[in-house]
Amino acid sequence: MYTIRVHPPYAWFLETHQPREPSFS
């Protein structure tokens, strides 16, 4: 998983629910 420091909560939500293509590397 990715750390929530540069990405807002919505990005974290999308990452956790569908972590297929991490655009926020």
PDB file of N, CA and C in Angstrom:
ATOM      1  N   MET A   1       0.838  -1.201   0.000  1.00  0.00           N
ATOM      2  CA  MET A   1       0.000   0.000   0.000  1.00  0.00           C
ATOM      3  C   MET A   1       0.874   1.254   0.000  1.00  0.00           C
ATOM      4  N   TYR A   2       0.231   2.377  -0.253  1.00  0.00           N
ATOM      5  CA  TYR A   2       0.985   3.625  -0.330  1.00  0.00           C
ATOM      6  C   TYR A   2       0.660   4.515   0.865  1.00  0.00           C
ATOM      7  N   THR A   3       1.613   5.344   1.215  1.00  0.00           N
ATOM      8  CA  THR A   3       1.423   6.217   2.368  1.00  0.00           C
ATOM      9  C   THR A   3       0.630   7.461   1.973  1.00  0.00           C
ATOM     10  N   ILE A   4      -0.279   7.862   2.864  1.00  0.00           N
ATOM     11  CA  ILE A   4      -1.100   9.044   2.585  1.00  0.00           C
ATOM     12  C   ILE A   4      -0.395  10.282   3.112  1.00  0.00           C
ATOM     13  N   ARG A   5       0.414  10.893   2.289  1.00  0.00           N
ATOM     14  CA  ARG A   5       1.090  12.117   2.723  1.00  0.00           C
ATOM     15  C   ARG A   5       1.008  13.179   1.635  1.00  0.00           C
ATOM     16  N   VAL A   6       1.078  12.759   0.381  1.00  0.00           N
ATOM     17  CA  VAL A   6       0.967  13.704  -0.717  1.00  0.00           C
ATOM     18  C   VAL A   6      -0.384  13.568  -1.414  1.00  0.00           C
ATOM     19  N   HIS A   7      -1.029  12.401  -1.200  1.00  0.00           N
ATOM     20  CA  HIS A   7      -2.324  12.204  -1.829  1.00  0.00           C
ATOM     21  C   HIS A   7      -3.442  12.433  -0.827  1.00  0.00           C
ATOM     22  N   PRO A   8      -4.509  13.063  -1.260  1.00  0.00           N
ATOM     23  CA  PRO A   8      -5.688  13.315  -0.434  1.00  0.00           C
ATOM     24  C   PRO A   8      -6.435  12.014  -0.125  1.00  0.00           C
ATOM     25  N   PRO A   9      -7.371  12.041   0.835  1.00  0.00           N
ATOM     26  CA  PRO A   9      -8.139  10.866   1.261  1.00  0.00           C
ATOM     27  C   PRO A   9      -8.857  10.149   0.115  1.00  0.00           C
ATOM     28  N   TYR A  10      -9.343  10.896  -0.863  1.00  0.00           N
ATOM     29  CA  TYR A  10     -10.069  10.262  -1.964  1.00  0.00           C
ATOM     30  C   TYR A  10      -9.150   9.361  -2.774  1.00  0.00           C
ATOM     31  N   ALA A  11      -7.914   9.788  -2.925  1.00  0.00           N
ATOM     32  CA  ALA A  11      -6.935   8.987  -3.657  1.00  0.00           C
ATOM     33  C   ALA A  11      -6.643   7.700  -2.896  1.00  0.00           C
ATOM     34  N   TRP A  12      -6.545   7.828  -1.563  1.00  0.00           N
ATOM     35  CA  TRP A  12      -6.305   6.663  -0.721  1.00  0.00           C
ATOM     36  C   TRP A  12      -7.469   5.682  -0.809  1.00  0.00           C
ATOM     37  N   PHE A  13      -8.662   6.238  -0.856  1.00  0.00           N
ATOM     38  CA  PHE A  13      -9.866   5.418  -0.969  1.00  0.00           C
ATOM     39  C   PHE A  13      -9.853   4.621  -2.266  1.00  0.00           C
ATOM     40  N   LEU A  14      -9.525   5.299  -3.349  1.00  0.00           N
ATOM     41  CA  LEU A  14      -9.473   4.635  -4.648  1.00  0.00           C
ATOM     42  C   LEU A  14      -8.374   3.582  -4.680  1.00  0.00           C
ATOM     43  N   GLU A  15      -7.246   3.895  -4.053  1.00  0.00           N
ATOM     44  CA  GLU A  15      -6.122   2.962  -4.028  1.00  0.00           C
ATOM     45  C   GLU A  15      -6.459   1.700  -3.240  1.00  0.00           C
ATOM     46  N   THR A  16      -7.165   1.890  -2.133  1.00  0.00           N
ATOM     47  CA  THR A  16      -7.478   0.747  -1.283  1.00  0.00           C
ATOM     48  C   THR A  16      -8.569  -0.123  -1.891  1.00  0.00           C
ATOM     49  N   HIS A  17      -9.471   0.502  -2.644  1.00  0.00           N
ATOM     50  CA  HIS A  17     -10.576  -0.250  -3.213  1.00  0.00           C
ATOM     51  C   HIS A  17     -10.251  -0.843  -4.578  1.00  0.00           C
ATOM     52  N   GLN A  18      -9.338  -0.228  -5.281  1.00  0.00           N
ATOM     53  CA  GLN A  18      -8.936  -0.790  -6.564  1.00  0.00           C
ATOM     54  C   GLN A  18      -7.471  -0.470  -6.860  1.00  0.00           C
ATOM     55  N   PRO A  19      -6.558  -1.157  -6.158  1.00  0.00           N
ATOM     56  CA  PRO A  19      -5.122  -0.927  -6.339  1.00  0.00           C
ATOM     57  C   PRO A  19      -4.587  -1.700  -7.535  1.00  0.00           C
ATOM     58  N   ARG A  20      -4.863  -1.211  -8.741  1.00  0.00           N
ATOM     59  CA  ARG A  20      -4.419  -1.920  -9.938  1.00  0.00           C
ATOM     60  C   ARG A  20      -3.359  -1.110 -10.670  1.00  0.00           C
ATOM     61  N   GLU A  21      -3.596   0.196 -10.802  1.00  0.00           N
ATOM     62  CA  GLU A  21      -2.612   1.048 -11.446  1.00  0.00           C
ATOM     63  C   GLU A  21      -2.290   2.234 -10.546  1.00  0.00           C
ATOM     64  N   PRO A  22      -1.198   2.141  -9.784  1.00  0.00           N
ATOM     65  CA  PRO A  22      -0.776   3.210  -8.871  1.00  0.00           C
ATOM     66  C   PRO A  22      -0.214   4.408  -9.629  1.00  0.00           C
ATOM     67  N   SER A  23      -1.042   5.427  -9.835  1.00  0.00           N
ATOM     68  CA  SER A  23      -0.596   6.615 -10.552  1.00  0.00           C
ATOM     69  C   SER A  23       0.234   7.505  -9.645  1.00  0.00           C
ATOM     70  N   PHE A  24       0.021   7.337  -8.324  1.00  0.00           N
ATOM     71  CA  PHE A  24       0.752   8.146  -7.353  1.00  0.00           C
ATOM     72  C   PHE A  24       1.886   7.307  -6.797  1.00  0.00           C
ATOM     73  N   SER A  25       2.955   7.223  -7.556  1.00  0.00           N
ATOM     74  CA  SER A  25       4.029   6.336  -7.151  1.00  0.00           C
ATOM     75  C   SER A  25       4.932   7.009  -6.125  1.00  0.00           C
TER      76      SER A  25
END
